[in-house]
Amino acid sequence: MPVLRQVVGDTLRGMRMRQRRTLREVSATARVSLGYLSEVERGQKEPSSELLAAICGALDVELSELFAEVSQTLRREEKLALTTSRVALMGAGSARMSPAPSGGPGGGGQVRTMPTVAA
């Protein structure tokens, strides 16, 4: 499951990079310290709504545009995680029973089944 602050940070960084702007430039315009903006972009800090609004203002993008892009990324990552977990569960659930060798040369012994896991 993706962490929201990391997706928000990645999205902000992507928006800034698409505009070919530096951290220093955006931090000065948004009136946010360079170090703090860097931590937000790296997903280390969870930004407040006021800080997000200031950063979006500095990037000249609507807050709703940021959230729309974050939402699309979360949806994609959640679907991927769900698909991956389903595949893993299907692989683990495909154990099958196979007969063990019989108890003697005539084969008259009991037949036991042993679980085997398909690779």
Protein backbone atom coordinates (compact mmCIF):
# COMPACT_ATOMS: atom_id res chain seq x y z
CA MET A 1 0.00 0.00 0.00
CA PRO A 2 1.52 3.33 -1.00
CA VAL A 3 2.20 5.99 1.64
CA LEU A 4 0.28 9.19 0.91
CA ARG A 5 3.09 11.58 1.82
CA GLN A 6 5.44 9.78 -0.59
CA VAL A 7 2.95 9.96 -3.46
CA VAL A 8 2.30 13.66 -2.74
CA GLY A 9 6.05 14.34 -2.62
CA ASP A 10 6.74 12.44 -5.84
CA THR A 11 3.90 14.28 -7.56
CA LEU A 12 5.12 17.70 -6.41
CA ARG A 13 8.65 16.87 -7.55
CA GLY A 14 7.33 15.74 -10.93
CA MET A 15 5.36 18.96 -11.35
CA ARG A 16 8.41 21.04 -10.45
CA MET A 17 10.71 19.08 -12.75
CA ARG A 18 8.29 19.35 -15.69
CA GLN A 19 8.51 23.12 -15.26
CA ARG A 20 12.32 22.86 -15.11
CA ARG A 21 12.35 24.76 -11.81
CA THR A 22 14.80 24.32 -8.97
CA LEU A 23 13.99 23.58 -5.35
CA ARG A 24 15.52 26.93 -4.42
CA GLU A 25 13.27 28.77 -6.84
CA VAL A 26 10.06 27.10 -5.67
CA SER A 27 10.96 27.32 -1.98
CA ALA A 28 11.61 31.07 -2.28
CA THR A 29 8.34 31.68 -4.15
CA ALA A 30 6.34 29.50 -1.73
CA ARG A 31 8.15 31.00 1.29
CA VAL A 32 9.07 27.53 2.51
CA SER A 33 12.57 26.57 3.60
CA LEU A 34 14.60 24.73 1.00
CA GLY A 35 15.28 21.84 3.38
CA TYR A 36 11.63 21.42 4.32
CA LEU A 37 10.48 21.45 0.69
CA SER A 38 13.13 18.85 -0.09
CA GLU A 39 11.85 16.64 2.75
CA VAL A 40 8.27 17.01 1.48
CA GLU A 41 9.32 16.00 -2.03
CA ARG A 42 11.18 12.96 -0.68
CA GLY A 43 8.11 11.89 1.31
CA GLN A 44 9.79 12.41 4.66
CA LYS A 45 7.43 15.15 5.87
CA GLU A 46 3.65 15.25 5.73
CA PRO A 47 2.78 18.75 4.50
CA SER A 48 -0.12 20.75 5.94
CA SER A 49 -2.89 21.99 3.67
CA GLU A 50 -1.50 25.53 3.97
CA LEU A 51 1.95 24.37 2.89
CA LEU A 52 0.49 22.42 -0.04
CA ALA A 53 -1.46 25.50 -1.11
CA ALA A 54 1.71 27.63 -0.95
CA ILE A 55 3.74 25.10 -2.98
CA CYS A 56 0.96 24.74 -5.56
CA GLY A 57 0.75 28.53 -5.77
CA ALA A 58 4.50 28.71 -6.39
CA LEU A 59 4.17 26.05 -9.09
CA ASP A 60 1.13 27.84 -10.55
CA VAL A 61 -1.02 24.71 -10.36
CA GLU A 62 -4.37 24.26 -8.68
CA LEU A 63 -4.51 22.23 -5.48
CA SER A 64 -7.19 20.13 -7.16
CA GLU A 65 -4.75 19.37 -9.99
CA LEU A 66 -2.23 18.07 -7.45
CA PHE A 67 -4.89 15.93 -5.77
CA ALA A 68 -6.16 14.60 -9.11
CA GLU A 69 -2.66 13.45 -10.07
CA VAL A 70 -2.08 11.97 -6.59
CA SER A 71 -5.43 10.17 -6.83
CA GLN A 72 -4.56 8.64 -10.21
CA THR A 73 -1.21 7.43 -8.89
CA LEU A 74 -2.78 5.93 -5.77
CA ARG A 75 -5.44 4.16 -7.85
CA ARG A 76 -2.79 2.70 -10.16
CA GLU A 77 -0.58 1.55 -7.26
CA GLU A 78 -3.50 0.08 -5.33
CA LYS A 79 -4.64 -1.91 -8.38
CA LEU A 80 -1.10 -3.14 -8.91
CA ALA A 81 -0.81 -4.18 -5.26
CA LEU A 82 -4.17 -5.96 -5.43
CA THR A 83 -3.18 -7.81 -8.60
CA THR A 84 0.17 -8.78 -7.12
CA SER A 85 -1.43 -10.09 -3.92
CA ARG A 86 -4.00 -12.07 -5.89
CA VAL A 87 -1.28 -13.70 -7.98
CA ALA A 88 0.65 -14.53 -4.80
CA LEU A 89 -2.44 -16.05 -3.21
CA MET A 90 -3.20 -18.09 -6.31
CA GLY A 91 0.35 -19.41 -6.31
CA ALA A 92 0.15 -20.39 -2.64
CA GLY A 93 -3.27 -21.97 -3.09
CA SER A 94 -2.24 -24.28 -5.87
CA ALA A 95 -0.99 -27.03 -3.58
CA ARG A 96 -2.15 -30.38 -4.84
CA MET A 97 -2.30 -33.85 -3.42
CA SER A 98 -0.30 -36.61 -5.03
CA PRO A 99 -0.11 -40.28 -4.10
CA ALA A 100 2.88 -41.52 -2.18
CA PRO A 101 4.54 -44.77 -3.18
CA SER A 102 2.65 -47.86 -2.01
CA GLY A 103 3.81 -49.98 0.90
CA GLY A 104 5.22 -53.01 -0.89
CA PRO A 105 6.15 -54.73 -4.12
CA GLY A 106 2.59 -55.88 -4.72
CA GLY A 107 1.22 -52.45 -4.12
CA GLY A 108 -1.25 -53.79 -1.55
CA GLY A 109 -0.42 -51.24 1.14
CA GLN A 110 -2.37 -48.13 1.96
CA VAL A 111 -2.09 -45.19 -0.38
CA ARG A 112 -1.22 -41.97 1.38
CA THR A 113 -1.43 -38.55 -0.14
CA MET A 114 1.23 -35.94 0.49
CA PRO A 115 0.79 -32.26 -0.26
CA THR A 116 3.12 -30.85 -2.88
CA VAL A 117 3.45 -27.26 -3.90
CA ALA A 118 3.57 -26.46 -7.59
CA ALA A 119 6.43 -24.21 -8.57
